[in-house]
C-alpha atoms as a PDB file:
ATOM      1  CA  MET A   1      37.328 220.532 114.477  1.00  0.00           C
ATOM      2  CA  LYS A   2      37.854 216.961 114.277  1.00  0.00           C
ATOM      3  CA  GLY A   3      37.384 216.884 110.687  1.00  0.00           C
ATOM      4  CA  ASP A   4      40.199 219.360 110.022  1.00  0.00           C
ATOM      5  CA  MET A   5      42.498 217.532 112.414  1.00  0.00           C
ATOM      6  CA  ARG A   6      41.959 214.355 110.484  1.00  0.00           C
ATOM      7  CA  MET A   7      42.929 216.095 107.205  1.00  0.00           C
ATOM      8  CA  SER A   8      46.302 216.957 108.760  1.00  0.00           C
ATOM      9  CA  GLY A   9      47.132 213.205 109.319  1.00  0.00           C
ATOM     10  CA  GLY A  10      48.888 210.654 107.050  1.00  0.00           C
ATOM     11  CA  ASP A  11      45.913 210.189 104.870  1.00  0.00           C
ATOM     12  CA  ALA A  12      46.139 213.842 103.660  1.00  0.00           C
ATOM     13  CA  GLY A  13      49.804 213.551 102.812  1.00  0.00           C
ATOM     14  CA  MET A  14      51.289 213.423  99.384  1.00  0.00           C
ATOM     15  CA  GLY A  15      51.892 209.572  99.307  1.00  0.00           C
ATOM     16  CA  GLY A  16      49.366 207.303  97.479  1.00  0.00           C
ATOM     17  CA  ALA A  17      48.527 205.919  94.055  1.00  0.00           C
ATOM     18  CA  GLY A  18      47.763 209.024  92.198  1.00  0.00           C
ATOM     19  CA  ARG A  19      49.130 209.430  88.738  1.00  0.00           C
ATOM     20  CA  GLY A  20      49.740 213.239  88.894  1.00  0.00           C
ATOM     21  CA  VAL A  21      53.135 214.480  89.732  1.00  0.00           C
ATOM     22  CA  VAL A  22      53.912 217.932  90.808  1.00  0.00           C
ATOM     23  CA  THR A  23      57.437 219.016  91.871  1.00  0.00           C
ATOM     24  CA  GLY A  24      58.116 215.474  92.999  1.00  0.00           C
ATOM     25  CA  LYS A  25      54.648 215.166  94.904  1.00  0.00           C
ATOM     26  CA  TYR A  26      51.997 212.589  94.012  1.00  0.00           C
ATOM     27  CA  PHE A  27      48.384 213.593  94.255  1.00  0.00           C
ATOM     28  CA  ASN A  28      46.480 210.814  96.008  1.00  0.00           C
ATOM     29  CA  PHE A  29      43.010 210.119  94.329  1.00  0.00           C
ATOM     30  CA  LYS A  30      42.395 207.164  96.482  1.00  0.00           C
ATOM     31  CA  PRO A  31      42.945 208.061 100.083  1.00  0.00           C
ATOM     32  CA  LEU A  32      43.064 205.361 102.626  1.00  0.00           C
ATOM     33  CA  PRO A  33      40.401 205.093 105.311  1.00  0.00           C
ATOM     34  CA  PRO A  34      40.960 207.271 108.330  1.00  0.00           C
ATOM     35  CA  PRO A  35      43.269 205.321 110.757  1.00  0.00           C
ATOM     36  CA  ASP A  36      40.878 205.760 113.739  1.00  0.00           C
ATOM     37  CA  ASP A  37      38.090 204.044 111.829  1.00  0.00           C
ATOM     38  CA  ILE A  38      40.045 200.891 110.870  1.00  0.00           C
ATOM     39  CA  LEU A  39      39.154 197.844 112.988  1.00  0.00           C
ATOM     40  CA  GLY A  40      42.007 196.071 114.696  1.00  0.00           C
ATOM     41  CA  ASN A  41      40.568 192.687 113.749  1.00  0.00           C
ATOM     42  CA  PRO A  42      38.890 191.577 110.534  1.00  0.00           C
ATOM     43  CA  LEU A  43      35.229 192.370 110.141  1.00  0.00           C
ATOM     44  CA  VAL A  44      33.112 189.175 110.703  1.00  0.00           C
ATOM     45  CA  VAL A  45      29.392 189.083 109.951  1.00  0.00           C
ATOM     46  CA  PRO A  46      27.747 186.177 111.844  1.00  0.00           C
ATOM     47  CA  ASN A  47      24.272 186.611 110.121  1.00  0.00           C
ATOM     48  CA  LEU A  48      25.212 186.397 106.490  1.00  0.00           C
ATOM     49  CA  PRO A  49      21.933 186.100 104.456  1.00  0.00           C
ATOM     50  CA  THR A  50      22.630 182.738 102.836  1.00  0.00           C
ATOM     51  CA  HIS A  51      18.943 181.726 102.638  1.00  0.00           C
ATOM     52  CA  LYS A  52      18.444 184.441  99.982  1.00  0.00           C
ATOM     53  CA  LEU A  53      21.520 183.615  97.942  1.00  0.00           C
ATOM     54  CA  PRO A  54      20.779 183.789  94.150  1.00  0.00           C
ATOM     55  CA  LYS A  55      21.346 180.494  92.658  1.00  0.00           C
ATOM     56  CA  GLU A  56      23.108 179.805  89.310  1.00  0.00           C
ATOM     57  CA  THR A  57      21.182 177.514  87.007  1.00  0.00           C
ATOM     58  CA  PHE A  58      22.662 174.389  85.546  1.00  0.00           C
ATOM     59  CA  GLY A  59      22.649 175.982  82.011  1.00  0.00           C
ATOM     60  CA  SER A  60      24.578 179.010  83.396  1.00  0.00           C
ATOM     61  CA  ARG A  61      27.188 176.723  84.813  1.00  0.00           C
ATOM     62  CA  MET A  62      27.512 174.941  81.611  1.00  0.00           C
ATOM     63  CA  ARG A  63      27.977 178.245  79.698  1.00  0.00           C
ATOM     64  CA  ARG A  64      30.591 179.297  82.080  1.00  0.00           C
ATOM     65  CA  PHE A  65      32.383 176.036  81.489  1.00  0.00           C
ATOM     66  CA  PHE A  66      32.313 176.445  77.762  1.00  0.00           C
ATOM     67  CA  ALA A  67      33.413 180.063  78.051  1.00  0.00           C
ATOM     68  CA  ARG A  68      36.466 178.901  79.913  1.00  0.00           C
ATOM     69  CA  LEU A  69      37.259 176.721  76.864  1.00  0.00           C
ATOM     70  CA  ASN A  70      36.583 179.791  74.525  1.00  0.00           C
ATOM     71  CA  LEU A  71      33.588 178.119  73.152  1.00  0.00           C
ATOM     72  CA  GLY A  72      30.357 179.859  72.306  1.00  0.00           C
ATOM     73  CA  SER A  73      29.534 183.639  72.824  1.00  0.00           C
ATOM     74  CA  GLN A  74      27.935 185.390  75.753  1.00  0.00           C
ATOM     75  CA  THR A  75      26.099 188.717  76.056  1.00  0.00           C
ATOM     76  CA  ALA A  76      27.324 191.556  78.184  1.00  0.00           C
ATOM     77  CA  GLU A  77      24.476 190.835  80.674  1.00  0.00           C
ATOM     78  CA  ILE A  78      25.423 187.224  81.024  1.00  0.00           C
ATOM     79  CA  ARG A  79      29.065 188.129  81.750  1.00  0.00           C
ATOM     80  CA  LEU A  80      27.824 190.738  84.203  1.00  0.00           C
ATOM     81  CA  ARG A  81      25.576 188.175  86.046  1.00  0.00           C
ATOM     82  CA  TRP A  82      28.761 185.894  86.368  1.00  0.00           C
ATOM     83  CA  LYS A  83      30.767 188.657  87.743  1.00  0.00           C
ATOM     84  CA  LEU A  84      27.966 189.397  90.261  1.00  0.00           C
ATOM     85  CA  HIS A  85      27.732 185.918  91.451  1.00  0.00           C
ATOM     86  CA  ASP A  86      31.574 185.745  91.800  1.00  0.00           C
ATOM     87  CA  THR A  87      31.304 189.041  93.690  1.00  0.00           C
ATOM     88  CA  ILE A  88      28.730 187.755  96.025  1.00  0.00           C
ATOM     89  CA  GLN A  89      30.728 184.522  96.714  1.00  0.00           C
ATOM     90  CA  ALA A  90      33.939 186.407  97.434  1.00  0.00           C
ATOM     91  CA  THR A  91      32.322 189.039  99.541  1.00  0.00           C
ATOM     92  CA  MET A  92      30.650 186.321 101.708  1.00  0.00           C
ATOM     93  CA  ALA A  93      33.998 184.461 102.000  1.00  0.00           C
ATOM     94  CA  SER A  94      35.687 187.711 103.105  1.00  0.00           C
ATOM     95  CA  LEU A  95      33.097 188.442 105.842  1.00  0.00           C
ATOM     96  CA  SER A  96      32.580 184.833 106.880  1.00  0.00           C
ATOM     97  CA  PRO A  97      33.268 183.721 110.404  1.00  0.00           C
ATOM     98  CA  ALA A  98      35.340 180.895 108.909  1.00  0.00           C
ATOM     99  CA  VAL A  99      38.811 182.136 109.377  1.00  0.00           C
ATOM    100  CA  THR A 100      41.873 180.056 108.870  1.00  0.00           C
ATOM    101  CA  LEU A 101      44.589 179.689 111.399  1.00  0.00           C
ATOM    102  CA  VAL A 102      46.844 182.019 109.442  1.00  0.00           C
ATOM    103  CA  THR A 103      46.376 185.538 110.923  1.00  0.00           C
ATOM    104  CA  GLY A 104      44.720 187.882 108.585  1.00  0.00           C
ATOM    105  CA  LYS A 105      43.702 185.261 106.124  1.00  0.00           C
ATOM    106  CA  ARG A 106      40.164 184.149 105.066  1.00  0.00           C
ATOM    107  CA  ALA A 107      39.041 180.754 104.297  1.00  0.00           C
ATOM    108  CA  PRO A 108      38.804 180.088 100.559  1.00  0.00           C
ATOM    109  CA  ALA A 109      35.440 180.230  98.918  1.00  0.00           C
ATOM    110  CA  LYS A 110      33.836 176.953  97.648  1.00  0.00           C
ATOM    111  CA  ASN A 111      34.517 178.165  94.090  1.00  0.00           C
ATOM    112  CA  ARG A 112      38.153 178.680  93.650  1.00  0.00           C
ATOM    113  CA  LYS A 113      37.922 180.131  90.241  1.00  0.00           C
ATOM    114  CA  LEU A 114      36.256 183.305  91.347  1.00  0.00           C
ATOM    115  CA  SER A 115      37.084 186.584  89.123  1.00  0.00           C
ATOM    116  CA  VAL A 116      36.824 188.672  92.298  1.00  0.00           C
ATOM    117  CA  PRO A 117      39.448 188.423  95.146  1.00  0.00           C
ATOM    118  CA  ILE A 118      38.794 187.349  98.737  1.00  0.00           C
ATOM    119  CA  ILE A 119      40.025 190.039 101.018  1.00  0.00           C
ATOM    120  CA  VAL A 120      40.424 190.938 104.731  1.00  0.00           C
ATOM    121  CA  VAL A 121      38.015 193.662 105.620  1.00  0.00           C
ATOM    122  CA  ARG A 122      38.814 196.103 108.530  1.00  0.00           C
ATOM    123  CA  HIS A 123      36.823 198.959 107.021  1.00  0.00           C
ATOM    124  CA  PRO A 124      33.939 199.292 104.550  1.00  0.00           C
ATOM    125  CA  TYR A 125      36.365 200.987 102.094  1.00  0.00           C
ATOM    126  CA  HIS A 126      38.182 197.621 101.622  1.00  0.00           C
ATOM    127  CA  LEU A 127      34.945 196.539  99.854  1.00  0.00           C
ATOM    128  CA  ARG A 128      34.904 199.510  97.514  1.00  0.00           C
ATOM    129  CA  HIS A 129      34.865 197.357  94.435  1.00  0.00           C
ATOM    130  CA  VAL A 130      31.385 196.074  95.546  1.00  0.00           C
ATOM    131  CA  PHE A 131      30.098 199.624  96.319  1.00  0.00           C
ATOM    132  CA  GLU A 132      31.360 200.941  92.998  1.00  0.00           C
ATOM    133  CA  LEU A 133      29.523 198.039  91.258  1.00  0.00           C
ATOM    134  CA  LEU A 134      26.101 198.501  92.869  1.00  0.00           C
ATOM    135  CA  PRO A 135      24.921 201.644  90.864  1.00  0.00           C
ATOM    136  CA  GLN A 136      25.931 199.984  87.662  1.00  0.00           C
ATOM    137  CA  ILE A 137      23.697 197.006  87.928  1.00  0.00           C
ATOM    138  CA  PRO A 138      20.764 197.151  85.676  1.00  0.00           C
ATOM    139  CA  ASP A 139      17.222 196.267  86.665  1.00  0.00           C
ATOM    140  CA  THR A 140      17.325 193.073  84.708  1.00  0.00           C
ATOM    141  CA  LEU A 141      19.707 191.775  87.362  1.00  0.00           C
ATOM    142  CA  ALA A 142      17.637 193.119  90.234  1.00  0.00           C
ATOM    143  CA  VAL A 143      17.831 189.836  92.195  1.00  0.00           C
ATOM    144  CA  GLU A 144      21.648 189.952  92.397  1.00  0.00           C
ATOM    145  CA  ARG A 145      21.521 193.766  93.150  1.00  0.00           C
ATOM    146  CA  ARG A 146      19.061 193.263  96.118  1.00  0.00           C
ATOM    147  CA  PHE A 147      21.253 190.493  97.570  1.00  0.00           C
ATOM    148  CA  LEU A 148      24.424 192.520  97.232  1.00  0.00           C
ATOM    149  CA  GLU A 149      22.633 195.498  98.967  1.00  0.00           C
ATOM    150  CA  LEU A 150      21.423 193.327 101.725  1.00  0.00           C
ATOM    151  CA  LEU A 151      24.883 191.838 102.146  1.00  0.00           C
ATOM    152  CA  MET A 152      26.449 195.305 102.270  1.00  0.00           C
ATOM    153  CA  THR A 153      23.682 196.479 104.771  1.00  0.00           C
ATOM    154  CA  ARG A 154      24.632 193.475 107.139  1.00  0.00           C
ATOM    155  CA  ALA A 155      28.284 194.424 106.822  1.00  0.00           C
ATOM    156  CA  LEU A 156      27.858 198.045 107.534  1.00  0.00           C
ATOM    157  CA  LYS A 157      25.599 197.418 110.518  1.00  0.00           C
ATOM    158  CA  ARG A 158      28.186 194.967 111.986  1.00  0.00           C
ATOM    159  CA  TYR A 159      31.038 197.555 111.344  1.00  0.00           C
ATOM    160  CA  GLY A 160      28.938 200.286 113.017  1.00  0.00           C
ATOM    161  CA  GLU A 161      28.550 198.056 116.099  1.00  0.00           C
ATOM    162  CA  GLN A 162      32.248 197.159 116.210  1.00  0.00           C
ATOM    163  CA  ILE A 163      33.622 200.610 115.784  1.00  0.00           C
ATOM    164  CA  ALA A 164      31.207 201.894 118.475  1.00  0.00           C
ATOM    165  CA  LEU A 165      32.673 199.434 120.846  1.00  0.00           C
ATOM    166  CA  VAL A 166      36.119 200.582 119.955  1.00  0.00           C
ATOM    167  CA  LYS A 167      35.393 204.262 120.282  1.00  0.00           C
ATOM    168  CA  GLY A 168      33.147 203.874 123.399  1.00  0.00           C
ATOM    169  CA  SER A 169      30.258 205.928 121.809  1.00  0.00           C
ATOM    170  CA  PRO A 170      27.460 205.509 119.180  1.00  0.00           C
ATOM    171  CA  PHE A 171      28.867 205.601 115.643  1.00  0.00           C
ATOM    172  CA  SER A 172      26.879 207.258 112.731  1.00  0.00           C
ATOM    173  CA  PHE A 173      28.021 207.384 109.137  1.00  0.00           C
ATOM    174  CA  GLU A 174      25.652 210.237 108.712  1.00  0.00           C
ATOM    175  CA  ASN A 175      27.532 212.387 111.326  1.00  0.00           C
ATOM    176  CA  GLU A 176      30.858 211.447 109.985  1.00  0.00           C
ATOM    177  CA  ALA A 177      29.839 212.382 106.394  1.00  0.00           C
ATOM    178  CA  ARG A 178      28.495 215.778 107.547  1.00  0.00           C
ATOM    179  CA  GLU A 179      31.677 216.471 109.338  1.00  0.00           C
ATOM    180  CA  TYR A 180      33.823 215.686 106.366  1.00  0.00           C
ATOM    181  CA  PHE A 181      31.672 217.625 103.960  1.00  0.00           C
ATOM    182  CA  PHE A 182      31.823 220.823 106.079  1.00  0.00           C
ATOM    183  CA  ALA A 183      35.656 220.399 106.782  1.00  0.00           C
ATOM    184  CA  GLY A 184      36.057 220.243 102.959  1.00  0.00           C
ATOM    185  CA  PHE A 185      33.792 223.217 102.341  1.00  0.00           C
ATOM    186  CA  ARG A 186      35.563 225.357 104.878  1.00  0.00           C
ATOM    187  CA  MET A 187      38.953 224.694 103.435  1.00  0.00           C
ATOM    188  CA  GLU A 188      37.504 225.211  99.878  1.00  0.00           C
ATOM    189  CA  LYS A 189      36.526 228.704 100.685  1.00  0.00           C
ATOM    190  CA  GLN A 190      40.037 229.459 101.556  1.00  0.00           C
ATOM    191  CA  ILE A 191      41.747 227.872  98.536  1.00  0.00           C
ATOM    192  CA  LYS A 192      41.716 231.237  96.535  1.00  0.00           C
ATOM    193  CA  LYS A 193      43.911 232.849  99.129  1.00  0.00           C
ATOM    194  CA  VAL A 194      46.620 230.210  98.804  1.00  0.00           C
ATOM    195  CA  ASN A 195      49.125 231.202  96.036  1.00  0.00           C
ATOM    196  CA  ASN A 196      52.263 229.164  96.950  1.00  0.00           C
ATOM    197  CA  PRO A 197      52.335 226.014  94.684  1.00  0.00           C
ATOM    198  CA  ASP A 198      53.356 223.665  97.419  1.00  0.00           C
ATOM    199  CA  GLU A 199      50.837 225.065  99.908  1.00  0.00           C
ATOM    200  CA  ARG A 200      48.034 225.022  97.303  1.00  0.00           C
ATOM    201  CA  PHE A 201      48.820 221.454  96.348  1.00  0.00           C
ATOM    202  CA  ALA A 202      48.639 220.405  99.989  1.00  0.00           C
ATOM    203  CA  ALA A 203      45.405 222.338 100.404  1.00  0.00           C
ATOM    204  CA  LEU A 204      43.815 220.689  97.406  1.00  0.00           C
ATOM    205  CA  GLN A 205      44.774 217.237  98.664  1.00  0.00           C
ATOM    206  CA  ALA A 206      43.289 217.997 102.118  1.00  0.00           C
ATOM    207  CA  ILE A 207      40.054 219.206 100.480  1.00  0.00           C
ATOM    208  CA  TYR A 208      39.812 216.230  98.137  1.00  0.00           C
ATOM    209  CA  THR A 209      40.529 213.885 100.933  1.00  0.00           C
ATOM    210  CA  ALA A 210      37.721 215.369 103.096  1.00  0.00           C
ATOM    211  CA  TYR A 211      35.307 215.241 100.243  1.00  0.00           C
ATOM    212  CA  PHE A 212      36.427 211.595  99.353  1.00  0.00           C
ATOM    213  CA  HIS A 213      35.687 210.335 102.953  1.00  0.00           C
ATOM    214  CA  GLY A 214      32.428 212.438 103.118  1.00  0.00           C
ATOM    215  CA  ARG A 215      31.165 210.974  99.838  1.00  0.00           C
ATOM    216  CA  ASN A 216      31.979 207.333 100.988  1.00  0.00           C
ATOM    217  CA  TYR A 217      30.449 207.833 104.386  1.00  0.00           C
ATOM    218  CA  TYR A 218      27.227 209.341 103.061  1.00  0.00           C
ATOM    219  CA  TYR A 219      26.852 206.257 100.742  1.00  0.00           C
ATOM    220  CA  PHE A 220      27.574 203.908 103.743  1.00  0.00           C
ATOM    221  CA  ALA A 221      24.751 205.736 105.803  1.00  0.00           C
ATOM    222  CA  LEU A 222      22.293 205.186 102.913  1.00  0.00           C
ATOM    223  CA  LEU A 223      23.005 201.421 102.606  1.00  0.00           C
ATOM    224  CA  ARG A 224      23.142 201.030 106.252  1.00  0.00           C
ATOM    225  CA  ARG A 225      19.619 202.497 106.272  1.00  0.00           C
ATOM    226  CA  GLU A 226      20.407 205.060 109.014  1.00  0.00           C
ATOM    227  CA  LYS A 227      17.442 207.238 109.824  1.00  0.00           C
ATOM    228  CA  LEU A 228      18.828 210.522 108.619  1.00  0.00           C
ATOM    229  CA  ALA A 229      17.806 213.831 110.107  1.00  0.00           C
ATOM    230  CA  PRO A 230      14.870 215.206 108.215  1.00  0.00           C
ATOM    231  CA  ASP A 231      16.528 218.625 107.639  1.00  0.00           C
ATOM    232  CA  ASN A 232      19.907 217.129 106.604  1.00  0.00           C
ATOM    233  CA  LYS A 233      21.614 218.498 103.365  1.00  0.00           C
ATOM    234  CA  LEU A 234      23.714 215.629 102.785  1.00  0.00           C
ATOM    235  CA  PHE A 235      22.635 214.929  99.158  1.00  0.00           C
ATOM    236  CA  MET A 236      23.360 218.536  98.135  1.00  0.00           C
ATOM    237  CA  LEU A 237      26.760 218.509 100.060  1.00  0.00           C
ATOM    238  CA  PHE A 238      27.431 215.036  98.327  1.00  0.00           C
ATOM    239  CA  ALA A 239      26.676 216.547  94.876  1.00  0.00           C
ATOM    240  CA  ARG A 240      28.772 219.643  95.481  1.00  0.00           C
ATOM    241  CA  ALA A 241      31.641 217.466  96.724  1.00  0.00           C
ATOM    242  CA  VAL A 242      31.785 215.138  93.703  1.00  0.00           C
ATOM    243  CA  TYR A 243      31.512 218.125  91.481  1.00  0.00           C
ATOM    244  CA  PHE A 244      34.499 219.716  93.019  1.00  0.00           C
ATOM    245  CA  MET A 245      36.466 216.531  92.875  1.00  0.00           C
ATOM    246  CA  ALA A 246      35.847 216.233  89.124  1.00  0.00           C
ATOM    247  CA  ARG A 247      37.581 219.668  88.813  1.00  0.00           C
ATOM    248  CA  VAL A 248      40.911 218.277  90.219  1.00  0.00           C
ATOM    249  CA  ASP A 249      43.164 217.338  87.293  1.00  0.00           C
ATOM    250  CA  TRP A 250      45.436 214.400  87.124  1.00  0.00           C
ATOM    251  CA  ASN A 251      48.445 216.686  87.948  1.00  0.00           C
ATOM    252  CA  GLY A 252      46.801 217.995  91.052  1.00  0.00           C
ATOM    253  CA  GLU A 253      45.753 221.362  89.620  1.00  0.00           C
ATOM    254  CA  LEU A 254      42.231 222.764  89.976  1.00  0.00           C
ATOM    255  CA  LEU A 255      40.431 223.260  86.646  1.00  0.00           C
ATOM    256  CA  GLU A 256      37.838 225.875  85.970  1.00  0.00           C
ATOM    257  CA  LYS A 257      35.258 223.294  84.827  1.00  0.00           C
ATOM    258  CA  PRO A 258      34.988 219.588  85.908  1.00  0.00           C
ATOM    259  CA  ASN A 259      36.403 216.904  83.767  1.00  0.00           C
ATOM    260  CA  PRO A 260      33.418 215.147  82.217  1.00  0.00           C
ATOM    261  CA  ARG A 261      35.230 211.829  82.532  1.00  0.00           C
ATOM    262  CA  SER A 262      35.611 212.291  86.186  1.00  0.00           C
ATOM    263  CA  MET A 263      31.902 213.221  86.667  1.00  0.00           C
ATOM    264  CA  PRO A 264      29.454 210.464  87.940  1.00  0.00           C
ATOM    265  CA  ARG A 265      26.539 209.957  85.449  1.00  0.00           C
ATOM    266  CA  ARG A 266      23.078 211.238  86.236  1.00  0.00           C
ATOM    267  CA  ASP A 267      21.795 207.722  86.661  1.00  0.00           C
ATOM    268  CA  ASP A 268      24.417 207.264  89.394  1.00  0.00           C
ATOM    269  CA  LEU A 269      22.967 210.228  91.318  1.00  0.00           C
ATOM    270  CA  PHE A 270      19.546 208.766  91.012  1.00  0.00           C
ATOM    271  CA  PHE A 271      20.904 205.649  92.720  1.00  0.00           C
ATOM    272  CA  PHE A 272      21.633 207.809  95.797  1.00  0.00           C
ATOM    273  CA  VAL A 273      18.403 209.925  95.564  1.00  0.00           C
ATOM    274  CA  GLU A 274      16.153 206.876  95.496  1.00  0.00           C
ATOM    275  CA  ARG A 275      17.900 205.603  98.768  1.00  0.00           C
ATOM    276  CA  ASP A 276      17.901 208.903 100.662  1.00  0.00           C
ATOM    277  CA  LYS A 277      14.387 208.901 102.185  1.00  0.00           C
ATOM    278  CA  THR A 278      14.688 212.445 103.399  1.00  0.00           C
ATOM    279  CA  VAL A 279      15.259 213.686  99.772  1.00  0.00           C
ATOM    280  CA  VAL A 280      12.317 211.600  98.472  1.00  0.00           C
ATOM    281  CA  THR A 281      10.046 212.814 101.180  1.00  0.00           C
ATOM    282  CA  ARG A 282      10.759 216.409 100.837  1.00  0.00           C
ATOM    283  CA  TYR A 283      10.826 216.209  96.956  1.00  0.00           C
ATOM    284  CA  ARG A 284       7.077 215.128  96.939  1.00  0.00           C
ATOM    285  CA  THR A 285       5.965 218.179  98.871  1.00  0.00           C
ATOM    286  CA  ASP A 286       8.459 221.077  98.410  1.00  0.00           C
ATOM    287  CA  GLN A 287       8.342 222.606  94.793  1.00  0.00           C
ATOM    288  CA  ASP A 288      11.459 224.875  95.529  1.00  0.00           C
ATOM    289  CA  PHE A 289      13.426 221.681  96.561  1.00  0.00           C
ATOM    290  CA  GLN A 290      12.212 219.862  93.471  1.00  0.00           C
ATOM    291  CA  ARG A 291      13.722 222.596  91.281  1.00  0.00           C
ATOM    292  CA  GLN A 292      17.025 222.455  93.411  1.00  0.00           C
ATOM    293  CA  VAL A 293      17.269 218.683  92.865  1.00  0.00           C
ATOM    294  CA  LYS A 294      16.549 218.956  89.176  1.00  0.00           C
ATOM    295  CA  SER A 295      19.202 221.699  88.827  1.00  0.00           C
ATOM    296  CA  VAL A 296      21.792 219.510  90.628  1.00  0.00           C
ATOM    297  CA  LEU A 297      21.046 216.442  88.433  1.00  0.00           C
ATOM    298  CA  ASP A 298      21.194 218.550  85.276  1.00  0.00           C
ATOM    299  CA  ALA A 299      24.669 219.591  86.148  1.00  0.00           C
ATOM    300  CA  PHE A 300      25.897 216.000  85.654  1.00  0.00           C
ATOM    301  CA  PRO A 301      26.118 214.189  82.280  1.00  0.00           C
ATOM    302  CA  ALA A 302      23.382 211.957  81.186  1.00  0.00           C
ATOM    303  CA  SER A 303      24.114 208.214  80.542  1.00  0.00           C
END
């Protein structure tokens, strides 16, 4: 299967930025995107939703100015609002058609004092700091959250169009996520048979990498608003994957129980449930499915 073949590539290797060290090998907790899915040119979104851009008030700009001078105090919500506005500006600059003459560089944003970097995007994973931030945004900052979601939706749709041209066939995050989840599940069923430490380490890395990509692509499918198959089981596969990933210790060993610090919070899973229309629709009419979803959510720590 293509998913298993991908896992045997460089992304499933032992290099990376993981902290764990086993017999000189490094466990990679942040695998790079699959090479076949990386665009050759930077991603450019021509229809950025600038007309819906949240505006900072004069008072907010003044508080920022005084904060740089270490004057006054700000609440956590105000600081988060500033971070969101910086994230919006930096993301728009990263996706903007305004590219400098220097290859691979983006034109600077209007505000040069952003707390978020402007980057070159060739795969949605390069914007992971934005995707990781979205579930953490409270309802009191719903305007900024909605704009960021709209921005990510436009970026994902554009990426899907570009990668489809490269591959010569329609591209679906849903299909990719399912393939990675099942590839990881097949390998997970065989892990008990692997006793050699080096082989077990490599097998765990391959499983983790498959689940890592499956988790990301499921997230991308939701934000891209793909019309998922009514009978898909992606949410259950997603929950199983992140549960397994939390069992992988810092040194690359598989724990009996997941590390609570590595587990996503229940509210984070609600973020996915609310955006998966197939789950919401079935939840309203199927009592057995309701119990399954509640059981899954109860397995994760409350906020």
